[in-house]
Amino acid sequence: MESETRSLADTVGKKKQFCSFRIAEHLFGVDILDVKEIKDEVTFTIVHHAPPVVRGFVNIRGHVYLVLDLRLVLGFDSREADEMSRVILFKQRVGESFGILVDHIGDMIEVDDSRIEYRKSDEFAPLQGIDRKKSDLSAGICKLEEELLIILRAEKLFNAF
C-alpha cells in the first residue's frame, strides 16, 4: 500500500486518472484503476433489515453486487434514483462484489499527481462529531479550473457504515 504522505520528488510528472461523479452537486472521484464498470442499471433487489445505506443487490450478467447509497454514506439525504443515476462497480481487489449509487457520472479526469493535496491520516482526528470511518474515506482534494475534486478511497467505502 502506498504511503499516505508523499514527497514532491516522488510525484513530479506522474498522472492520476479518476472516474468522476456527482453527489449533491459536489464533484467526487475514485481512482480509475479501482473501477470495473459503470452501469445505468438502477433496479435493485431490496435487502430486508439491512442498514439504510444498503440500497440493495443488482444482478449484472449473473454476478450479484451489493450497492451502497453513497449519498447516505457521505451524510447527505437519500433520494430516488433517476435517469441520471449510475452504479459504479468496483474490481474484486477493492472489496467484495459491491458498487455505489451516484447522482450522475462525470468524465474521466486526469491530473498531475503533484496537484493533489493528500490528506494526512490523522487530519480529522481532533474534530468532534466527525465519524472516523467517514473521515477515512477522503484521500485528498485537487483544485481543478472551476471546482474542487474530492478524491475518495474506494477500498474504504464498503466499511464506512
N, C-alpha and C. Protein backbone atom coordinates (compact mmCIF):
# COMPACT_ATOMS: atom_id res chain seq x y z
N MET A 1 0.84 -1.19 0.00
CA MET A 1 0.00 0.00 0.00
C MET A 1 0.88 1.24 0.00
N GLU A 2 0.45 2.24 -0.78
CA GLU A 2 1.25 3.46 -0.87
C GLU A 2 1.19 4.24 0.43
N SER A 3 2.24 4.95 0.69
CA SER A 3 2.26 5.83 1.85
C SER A 3 1.28 6.97 1.63
N GLU A 4 0.61 7.40 2.69
CA GLU A 4 -0.38 8.46 2.55
C GLU A 4 0.26 9.82 2.41
N THR A 5 1.47 9.96 2.88
CA THR A 5 2.17 11.22 2.67
C THR A 5 3.21 10.99 1.60
N ARG A 6 3.27 11.88 0.65
CA ARG A 6 4.17 11.71 -0.48
C ARG A 6 5.06 12.92 -0.62
N SER A 7 6.28 12.66 -1.02
CA SER A 7 7.18 13.79 -1.24
C SER A 7 7.00 14.31 -2.66
N LEU A 8 7.27 15.56 -2.86
CA LEU A 8 7.13 16.18 -4.17
C LEU A 8 8.01 15.48 -5.20
N ALA A 9 9.18 15.07 -4.80
CA ALA A 9 10.11 14.39 -5.72
C ALA A 9 9.52 13.09 -6.24
N ASP A 10 8.70 12.41 -5.44
CA ASP A 10 8.11 11.14 -5.85
C ASP A 10 6.96 11.32 -6.83
N THR A 11 6.37 12.51 -6.91
CA THR A 11 5.15 12.68 -7.68
C THR A 11 5.30 13.55 -8.92
N VAL A 12 6.40 14.22 -9.12
CA VAL A 12 6.56 15.13 -10.24
C VAL A 12 6.39 14.37 -11.56
N GLY A 13 5.47 14.87 -12.38
CA GLY A 13 5.26 14.31 -13.70
C GLY A 13 4.36 13.09 -13.75
N LYS A 14 3.96 12.54 -12.63
CA LYS A 14 3.08 11.38 -12.62
C LYS A 14 1.64 11.84 -12.78
N LYS A 15 0.90 11.14 -13.60
CA LYS A 15 -0.50 11.47 -13.84
C LYS A 15 -1.38 10.46 -13.10
N LYS A 16 -2.50 10.95 -12.59
CA LYS A 16 -3.51 10.11 -11.95
C LYS A 16 -4.81 10.31 -12.70
N GLN A 17 -5.54 9.23 -12.88
CA GLN A 17 -6.83 9.31 -13.55
C GLN A 17 -7.93 8.92 -12.58
N PHE A 18 -9.02 9.69 -12.62
CA PHE A 18 -10.13 9.48 -11.71
C PHE A 18 -11.44 9.37 -12.47
N CYS A 19 -12.27 8.45 -12.03
CA CYS A 19 -13.65 8.36 -12.50
C CYS A 19 -14.41 9.37 -11.66
N SER A 20 -14.97 10.39 -12.28
CA SER A 20 -15.64 11.44 -11.51
C SER A 20 -17.15 11.23 -11.53
N PHE A 21 -17.79 11.74 -10.49
CA PHE A 21 -19.24 11.64 -10.36
C PHE A 21 -19.72 12.73 -9.40
N ARG A 22 -21.01 12.95 -9.41
CA ARG A 22 -21.59 13.98 -8.56
C ARG A 22 -22.50 13.36 -7.51
N ILE A 23 -22.40 13.93 -6.32
CA ILE A 23 -23.31 13.65 -5.22
C ILE A 23 -23.70 15.01 -4.67
N ALA A 24 -24.99 15.31 -4.69
CA ALA A 24 -25.49 16.59 -4.17
C ALA A 24 -24.69 17.78 -4.71
N GLU A 25 -24.44 17.78 -6.00
CA GLU A 25 -23.74 18.85 -6.70
C GLU A 25 -22.26 18.99 -6.36
N HIS A 26 -21.71 18.10 -5.56
CA HIS A 26 -20.28 18.09 -5.27
C HIS A 26 -19.60 17.11 -6.22
N LEU A 27 -18.39 17.43 -6.63
CA LEU A 27 -17.63 16.59 -7.54
C LEU A 27 -16.71 15.67 -6.74
N PHE A 28 -16.87 14.36 -6.94
CA PHE A 28 -16.06 13.35 -6.30
C PHE A 28 -15.38 12.51 -7.36
N GLY A 29 -14.37 11.78 -6.95
CA GLY A 29 -13.71 10.86 -7.87
C GLY A 29 -13.07 9.71 -7.13
N VAL A 30 -12.95 8.60 -7.84
CA VAL A 30 -12.22 7.43 -7.35
C VAL A 30 -11.19 7.05 -8.41
N ASP A 31 -10.11 6.44 -7.99
CA ASP A 31 -9.06 6.03 -8.91
C ASP A 31 -9.67 5.14 -10.00
N ILE A 32 -9.42 5.48 -11.23
CA ILE A 32 -9.99 4.75 -12.37
C ILE A 32 -9.54 3.28 -12.36
N LEU A 33 -8.39 2.99 -11.76
CA LEU A 33 -7.89 1.62 -11.71
C LEU A 33 -8.70 0.74 -10.76
N ASP A 34 -9.52 1.36 -9.89
CA ASP A 34 -10.37 0.60 -8.97
C ASP A 34 -11.73 0.27 -9.56
N VAL A 35 -12.09 0.91 -10.68
CA VAL A 35 -13.42 0.77 -11.26
C VAL A 35 -13.46 -0.38 -12.25
N LYS A 36 -14.46 -1.25 -12.07
CA LYS A 36 -14.67 -2.35 -13.00
C LYS A 36 -15.53 -1.90 -14.17
N GLU A 37 -16.69 -1.32 -13.84
CA GLU A 37 -17.58 -0.80 -14.87
C GLU A 37 -18.61 0.14 -14.26
N ILE A 38 -19.29 0.86 -15.14
CA ILE A 38 -20.34 1.79 -14.74
C ILE A 38 -21.62 1.35 -15.42
N LYS A 39 -22.67 1.20 -14.62
CA LYS A 39 -23.94 0.70 -15.15
C LYS A 39 -25.04 1.73 -14.96
N ASP A 40 -25.94 1.79 -15.94
CA ASP A 40 -27.11 2.63 -15.77
C ASP A 40 -28.26 1.83 -15.17
N GLU A 41 -27.99 0.57 -14.85
CA GLU A 41 -28.96 -0.30 -14.18
C GLU A 41 -29.16 0.17 -12.75
N VAL A 42 -30.35 0.64 -12.45
CA VAL A 42 -30.62 1.10 -11.10
C VAL A 42 -31.86 0.41 -10.52
N THR A 43 -32.11 -0.82 -10.95
CA THR A 43 -33.17 -1.63 -10.39
C THR A 43 -32.54 -2.57 -9.38
N PHE A 44 -32.98 -2.45 -8.14
CA PHE A 44 -32.34 -3.18 -7.05
C PHE A 44 -33.29 -4.21 -6.44
N THR A 45 -32.72 -5.28 -5.96
CA THR A 45 -33.44 -6.22 -5.12
C THR A 45 -33.20 -5.77 -3.68
N ILE A 46 -34.27 -5.47 -2.99
CA ILE A 46 -34.19 -4.93 -1.64
C ILE A 46 -33.62 -5.99 -0.68
N VAL A 47 -32.80 -5.54 0.25
CA VAL A 47 -32.26 -6.40 1.31
C VAL A 47 -32.99 -5.99 2.59
N HIS A 48 -33.94 -6.84 3.00
CA HIS A 48 -34.74 -6.52 4.19
C HIS A 48 -33.86 -6.54 5.43
N HIS A 49 -34.11 -5.63 6.35
CA HIS A 49 -33.42 -5.49 7.63
C HIS A 49 -31.97 -5.05 7.48
N ALA A 50 -31.59 -4.58 6.31
CA ALA A 50 -30.25 -4.04 6.09
C ALA A 50 -30.23 -2.57 6.52
N PRO A 51 -29.07 -2.03 6.83
CA PRO A 51 -28.99 -0.59 7.14
C PRO A 51 -29.46 0.24 5.94
N PRO A 52 -29.97 1.45 6.18
CA PRO A 52 -30.48 2.28 5.08
C PRO A 52 -29.44 2.55 3.99
N VAL A 53 -28.16 2.54 4.33
CA VAL A 53 -27.12 2.80 3.35
C VAL A 53 -27.04 1.71 2.27
N VAL A 54 -27.55 0.53 2.58
CA VAL A 54 -27.57 -0.57 1.60
C VAL A 54 -28.78 -0.39 0.70
N ARG A 55 -28.53 -0.04 -0.54
CA ARG A 55 -29.61 0.21 -1.50
C ARG A 55 -30.24 -1.10 -1.98
N GLY A 56 -29.43 -2.15 -2.04
CA GLY A 56 -29.93 -3.45 -2.47
C GLY A 56 -28.89 -4.19 -3.28
N PHE A 57 -29.34 -5.27 -3.90
CA PHE A 57 -28.49 -6.06 -4.78
C PHE A 57 -28.85 -5.76 -6.22
N VAL A 58 -27.87 -5.87 -7.09
CA VAL A 58 -28.10 -5.77 -8.53
C VAL A 58 -27.40 -6.96 -9.17
N ASN A 59 -28.06 -7.57 -10.14
CA ASN A 59 -27.52 -8.73 -10.84
C ASN A 59 -27.03 -8.27 -12.21
N ILE A 60 -25.72 -8.37 -12.42
CA ILE A 60 -25.12 -7.98 -13.70
C ILE A 60 -24.50 -9.23 -14.33
N ARG A 61 -25.12 -9.68 -15.40
CA ARG A 61 -24.64 -10.86 -16.13
C ARG A 61 -24.41 -12.06 -15.19
N GLY A 62 -25.33 -12.28 -14.30
CA GLY A 62 -25.26 -13.43 -13.40
C GLY A 62 -24.39 -13.23 -12.17
N HIS A 63 -23.79 -12.07 -12.03
CA HIS A 63 -22.96 -11.78 -10.85
C HIS A 63 -23.72 -10.77 -9.98
N VAL A 64 -23.85 -11.08 -8.69
CA VAL A 64 -24.62 -10.23 -7.78
C VAL A 64 -23.69 -9.28 -7.05
N TYR A 65 -24.05 -7.99 -7.07
CA TYR A 65 -23.29 -6.94 -6.40
C TYR A 65 -24.16 -6.26 -5.35
N LEU A 66 -23.59 -5.97 -4.21
CA LEU A 66 -24.25 -5.16 -3.20
C LEU A 66 -24.03 -3.70 -3.57
N VAL A 67 -25.09 -2.89 -3.55
CA VAL A 67 -24.97 -1.49 -3.93
C VAL A 67 -25.26 -0.61 -2.72
N LEU A 68 -24.32 0.30 -2.45
CA LEU A 68 -24.44 1.25 -1.35
C LEU A 68 -24.90 2.60 -1.89
N ASP A 69 -25.73 3.28 -1.12
CA ASP A 69 -26.17 4.63 -1.48
C ASP A 69 -25.10 5.59 -0.98
N LEU A 70 -24.27 6.09 -1.89
CA LEU A 70 -23.16 6.94 -1.49
C LEU A 70 -23.64 8.25 -0.86
N ARG A 71 -24.82 8.70 -1.21
CA ARG A 71 -25.37 9.90 -0.57
C ARG A 71 -25.46 9.69 0.94
N LEU A 72 -25.97 8.54 1.36
CA LEU A 72 -26.10 8.24 2.79
C LEU A 72 -24.75 7.98 3.44
N VAL A 73 -23.85 7.31 2.72
CA VAL A 73 -22.51 7.05 3.25
C VAL A 73 -21.82 8.37 3.58
N LEU A 74 -22.00 9.38 2.73
CA LEU A 74 -21.34 10.67 2.91
C LEU A 74 -22.12 11.64 3.79
N GLY A 75 -23.29 11.23 4.25
CA GLY A 75 -24.05 12.08 5.16
C GLY A 75 -25.07 12.99 4.50
N PHE A 76 -25.35 12.81 3.23
CA PHE A 76 -26.38 13.59 2.54
C PHE A 76 -27.72 12.85 2.65
N ASP A 77 -28.80 13.55 2.35
CA ASP A 77 -30.12 12.92 2.33
C ASP A 77 -30.22 11.99 1.13
N SER A 78 -30.94 10.89 1.32
CA SER A 78 -31.17 9.96 0.23
C SER A 78 -32.16 10.58 -0.76
N ARG A 79 -32.15 10.08 -1.96
CA ARG A 79 -33.14 10.50 -2.96
C ARG A 79 -33.38 9.32 -3.89
N GLU A 80 -34.46 9.40 -4.60
CA GLU A 80 -34.79 8.34 -5.55
C GLU A 80 -33.82 8.37 -6.73
N ALA A 81 -33.48 7.20 -7.22
CA ALA A 81 -32.64 7.11 -8.42
C ALA A 81 -33.46 7.63 -9.60
N ASP A 82 -32.78 8.31 -10.53
CA ASP A 82 -33.45 8.81 -11.73
C ASP A 82 -32.65 8.42 -12.96
N GLU A 83 -32.99 8.99 -14.09
CA GLU A 83 -32.34 8.61 -15.35
C GLU A 83 -30.86 8.99 -15.40
N MET A 84 -30.43 9.91 -14.53
CA MET A 84 -29.02 10.30 -14.48
C MET A 84 -28.21 9.46 -13.49
N SER A 85 -28.87 8.74 -12.60
CA SER A 85 -28.19 7.92 -11.59
C SER A 85 -27.41 6.79 -12.26
N ARG A 86 -26.29 6.45 -11.66
CA ARG A 86 -25.45 5.36 -12.16
C ARG A 86 -24.92 4.55 -10.99
N VAL A 87 -24.57 3.31 -11.30
CA VAL A 87 -23.93 2.44 -10.32
C VAL A 87 -22.50 2.22 -10.77
N ILE A 88 -21.55 2.54 -9.91
CA ILE A 88 -20.13 2.28 -10.18
C ILE A 88 -19.78 0.98 -9.48
N LEU A 89 -19.35 0.00 -10.25
CA LEU A 89 -18.95 -1.30 -9.71
C LEU A 89 -17.43 -1.32 -9.58
N PHE A 90 -16.95 -1.87 -8.49
CA PHE A 90 -15.52 -1.89 -8.23
C PHE A 90 -14.92 -3.27 -8.49
N LYS A 91 -13.64 -3.26 -8.78
CA LYS A 91 -12.91 -4.50 -9.00
C LYS A 91 -12.84 -5.30 -7.70
N GLN A 92 -12.68 -6.59 -7.83
CA GLN A 92 -12.67 -7.50 -6.69
C GLN A 92 -11.59 -7.13 -5.67
N ARG A 93 -10.46 -6.62 -6.12
CA ARG A 93 -9.36 -6.29 -5.19
C ARG A 93 -9.71 -5.12 -4.26
N VAL A 94 -10.71 -4.31 -4.64
CA VAL A 94 -11.14 -3.19 -3.81
C VAL A 94 -11.97 -3.70 -2.64
N GLY A 95 -12.77 -4.71 -2.87
CA GLY A 95 -13.63 -5.27 -1.84
C GLY A 95 -14.57 -6.29 -2.45
N GLU A 96 -15.25 -7.01 -1.58
CA GLU A 96 -16.23 -7.98 -2.07
C GLU A 96 -17.14 -7.31 -3.08
N SER A 97 -17.76 -8.07 -3.91
CA SER A 97 -18.57 -7.56 -5.02
C SER A 97 -19.53 -6.47 -4.57
N PHE A 98 -19.14 -5.23 -4.79
CA PHE A 98 -20.00 -4.11 -4.41
C PHE A 98 -19.84 -2.94 -5.37
N GLY A 99 -20.79 -2.05 -5.26
CA GLY A 99 -20.76 -0.82 -6.05
C GLY A 99 -21.42 0.29 -5.26
N ILE A 100 -21.43 1.47 -5.86
CA ILE A 100 -22.04 2.64 -5.22
C ILE A 100 -23.01 3.29 -6.18
N LEU A 101 -24.09 3.80 -5.63
CA LEU A 101 -25.05 4.56 -6.41
C LEU A 101 -24.66 6.03 -6.33
N VAL A 102 -24.53 6.68 -7.50
CA VAL A 102 -24.16 8.10 -7.55
C VAL A 102 -25.25 8.87 -8.30
N ASP A 103 -25.30 10.18 -8.06
CA ASP A 103 -26.33 11.01 -8.70
C ASP A 103 -26.17 11.05 -10.22
N HIS A 104 -24.95 11.28 -10.65
CA HIS A 104 -24.65 11.11 -12.08
C HIS A 104 -23.15 11.06 -12.29
N ILE A 105 -22.80 10.40 -13.35
CA ILE A 105 -21.39 10.14 -13.66
C ILE A 105 -20.82 11.34 -14.39
N GLY A 106 -19.54 11.58 -14.18
CA GLY A 106 -18.85 12.67 -14.87
C GLY A 106 -17.86 12.11 -15.86
N ASP A 107 -16.86 12.88 -16.15
CA ASP A 107 -15.81 12.48 -17.09
C ASP A 107 -14.67 11.80 -16.35
N MET A 108 -13.82 11.17 -17.11
CA MET A 108 -12.55 10.70 -16.57
C MET A 108 -11.68 11.94 -16.47
N ILE A 109 -11.12 12.17 -15.30
CA ILE A 109 -10.30 13.35 -15.06
C ILE A 109 -8.87 12.92 -14.83
N GLU A 110 -7.94 13.52 -15.59
CA GLU A 110 -6.52 13.22 -15.43
C GLU A 110 -5.83 14.46 -14.88
N VAL A 111 -5.09 14.28 -13.79
CA VAL A 111 -4.36 15.40 -13.19
C VAL A 111 -2.96 14.95 -12.83
N ASP A 112 -2.08 15.91 -12.80
CA ASP A 112 -0.72 15.64 -12.35
C ASP A 112 -0.77 15.37 -10.85
N ASP A 113 -0.13 14.33 -10.40
CA ASP A 113 -0.17 13.92 -9.00
C ASP A 113 0.30 15.03 -8.06
N SER A 114 1.18 15.89 -8.53
CA SER A 114 1.69 16.96 -7.68
C SER A 114 0.61 18.01 -7.37
N ARG A 115 -0.48 18.03 -8.13
CA ARG A 115 -1.58 18.98 -7.89
C ARG A 115 -2.56 18.48 -6.83
N ILE A 116 -2.40 17.23 -6.42
CA ILE A 116 -3.31 16.64 -5.43
C ILE A 116 -2.78 16.93 -4.03
N GLU A 117 -3.64 17.44 -3.19
CA GLU A 117 -3.29 17.66 -1.80
C GLU A 117 -3.79 16.46 -1.01
N TYR A 118 -2.86 15.56 -0.69
CA TYR A 118 -3.23 14.34 0.03
C TYR A 118 -3.48 14.65 1.49
N ARG A 119 -4.49 14.02 2.03
CA ARG A 119 -4.87 14.20 3.42
C ARG A 119 -4.06 13.28 4.30
N LYS A 120 -3.55 13.83 5.39
CA LYS A 120 -2.85 13.01 6.37
C LYS A 120 -3.88 12.17 7.11
N SER A 121 -3.53 10.97 7.52
CA SER A 121 -4.49 10.05 8.13
C SER A 121 -5.10 10.58 9.41
N ASP A 122 -4.42 11.46 10.13
CA ASP A 122 -4.95 11.95 11.40
C ASP A 122 -5.51 13.37 11.30
N GLU A 123 -5.72 13.87 10.11
CA GLU A 123 -6.12 15.26 9.92
C GLU A 123 -7.44 15.60 10.61
N PHE A 124 -8.42 14.69 10.61
CA PHE A 124 -9.72 14.97 11.21
C PHE A 124 -9.84 14.42 12.63
N ALA A 125 -8.82 13.78 13.14
CA ALA A 125 -8.90 13.13 14.45
C ALA A 125 -9.32 14.07 15.58
N PRO A 126 -8.82 15.30 15.66
CA PRO A 126 -9.19 16.14 16.79
C PRO A 126 -10.59 16.75 16.69
N LEU A 127 -11.24 16.67 15.55
CA LEU A 127 -12.54 17.31 15.38
C LEU A 127 -13.64 16.45 16.00
N GLN A 128 -14.46 17.05 16.83
CA GLN A 128 -15.55 16.31 17.44
C GLN A 128 -16.70 16.19 16.45
N GLY A 129 -17.41 15.09 16.54
CA GLY A 129 -18.58 14.89 15.69
C GLY A 129 -18.26 14.30 14.33
N ILE A 130 -16.99 14.11 14.01
CA ILE A 130 -16.63 13.50 12.73
C ILE A 130 -16.48 12.00 12.95
N ASP A 131 -17.29 11.23 12.26
CA ASP A 131 -17.22 9.78 12.33
C ASP A 131 -15.90 9.34 11.71
N ARG A 132 -15.10 8.61 12.45
CA ARG A 132 -13.77 8.19 11.98
C ARG A 132 -13.85 7.41 10.67
N LYS A 133 -14.85 6.55 10.53
CA LYS A 133 -15.00 5.77 9.31
C LYS A 133 -15.22 6.69 8.11
N LYS A 134 -16.02 7.73 8.29
CA LYS A 134 -16.30 8.66 7.19
C LYS A 134 -15.10 9.54 6.90
N SER A 135 -14.36 9.94 7.90
CA SER A 135 -13.21 10.81 7.66
C SER A 135 -12.11 10.07 6.91
N ASP A 136 -12.07 8.75 7.02
CA ASP A 136 -11.07 7.96 6.30
C ASP A 136 -11.39 7.79 4.82
N LEU A 137 -12.59 8.15 4.41
CA LEU A 137 -12.99 7.98 3.01
C LEU A 137 -12.21 8.87 2.06
N SER A 138 -11.87 10.06 2.50
CA SER A 138 -11.22 11.04 1.64
C SER A 138 -9.71 10.81 1.59
N ALA A 139 -9.21 10.70 0.36
CA ALA A 139 -7.76 10.57 0.17
C ALA A 139 -7.13 11.94 0.01
N GLY A 140 -7.90 12.90 -0.51
CA GLY A 140 -7.37 14.23 -0.73
C GLY A 140 -8.27 15.03 -1.64
N ILE A 141 -7.76 16.18 -2.06
CA ILE A 141 -8.51 17.05 -2.97
C ILE A 141 -7.59 17.56 -4.07
N CYS A 142 -8.20 17.98 -5.15
CA CYS A 142 -7.45 18.56 -6.25
C CYS A 142 -8.25 19.74 -6.78
N LYS A 143 -7.60 20.90 -6.85
CA LYS A 143 -8.26 22.08 -7.38
C LYS A 143 -8.20 22.03 -8.90
N LEU A 144 -9.37 21.95 -9.51
CA LEU A 144 -9.48 21.98 -10.95
C LEU A 144 -9.73 23.42 -11.37
N GLU A 145 -9.89 23.67 -12.65
CA GLU A 145 -10.08 25.04 -13.12
C GLU A 145 -11.29 25.72 -12.49
N GLU A 146 -12.42 24.98 -12.36
CA GLU A 146 -13.64 25.61 -11.89
C GLU A 146 -14.17 25.10 -10.56
N GLU A 147 -13.61 24.01 -10.04
CA GLU A 147 -14.11 23.47 -8.78
C GLU A 147 -13.11 22.50 -8.16
N LEU A 148 -13.48 21.99 -6.99
CA LEU A 148 -12.63 21.03 -6.30
C LEU A 148 -13.09 19.61 -6.60
N LEU A 149 -12.13 18.73 -6.79
CA LEU A 149 -12.38 17.30 -6.93
C LEU A 149 -12.03 16.66 -5.60
N ILE A 150 -13.01 16.04 -4.97
CA ILE A 150 -12.77 15.33 -3.71
C ILE A 150 -12.50 13.88 -4.06
N ILE A 151 -11.31 13.43 -3.71
CA ILE A 151 -10.88 12.08 -4.08
C ILE A 151 -11.20 11.12 -2.94
N LEU A 152 -11.97 10.08 -3.26
CA LEU A 152 -12.37 9.09 -2.27
C LEU A 152 -11.53 7.82 -2.42
N ARG A 153 -11.34 7.14 -1.30
CA ARG A 153 -10.65 5.84 -1.29
C ARG A 153 -11.70 4.76 -1.49
N ALA A 154 -11.71 4.14 -2.64
CA ALA A 154 -12.72 3.12 -2.96
C ALA A 154 -12.67 1.97 -1.96
N GLU A 155 -11.48 1.60 -1.52
CA GLU A 155 -11.35 0.44 -0.62
C GLU A 155 -11.94 0.71 0.76
N LYS A 156 -12.20 1.97 1.10
CA LYS A 156 -12.76 2.33 2.40
C LYS A 156 -14.29 2.45 2.36
N LEU A 157 -14.89 2.51 1.17
CA LEU A 157 -16.31 2.74 1.06
C LEU A 157 -17.16 1.63 1.66
N PHE A 158 -16.77 0.40 1.43
CA PHE A 158 -17.57 -0.74 1.89
C PHE A 158 -17.69 -0.79 3.41
N ASN A 159 -16.67 -0.36 4.11
CA ASN A 159 -16.67 -0.44 5.57
C ASN A 159 -17.06 0.87 6.24
N ALA A 160 -17.61 1.80 5.49
CA ALA A 160 -17.89 3.14 6.01
C ALA A 160 -19.20 3.27 6.76
N PHE A 161 -19.93 2.19 6.87
CA PHE A 161 -21.22 2.28 7.58
C PHE A 161 -21.30 1.29 8.72
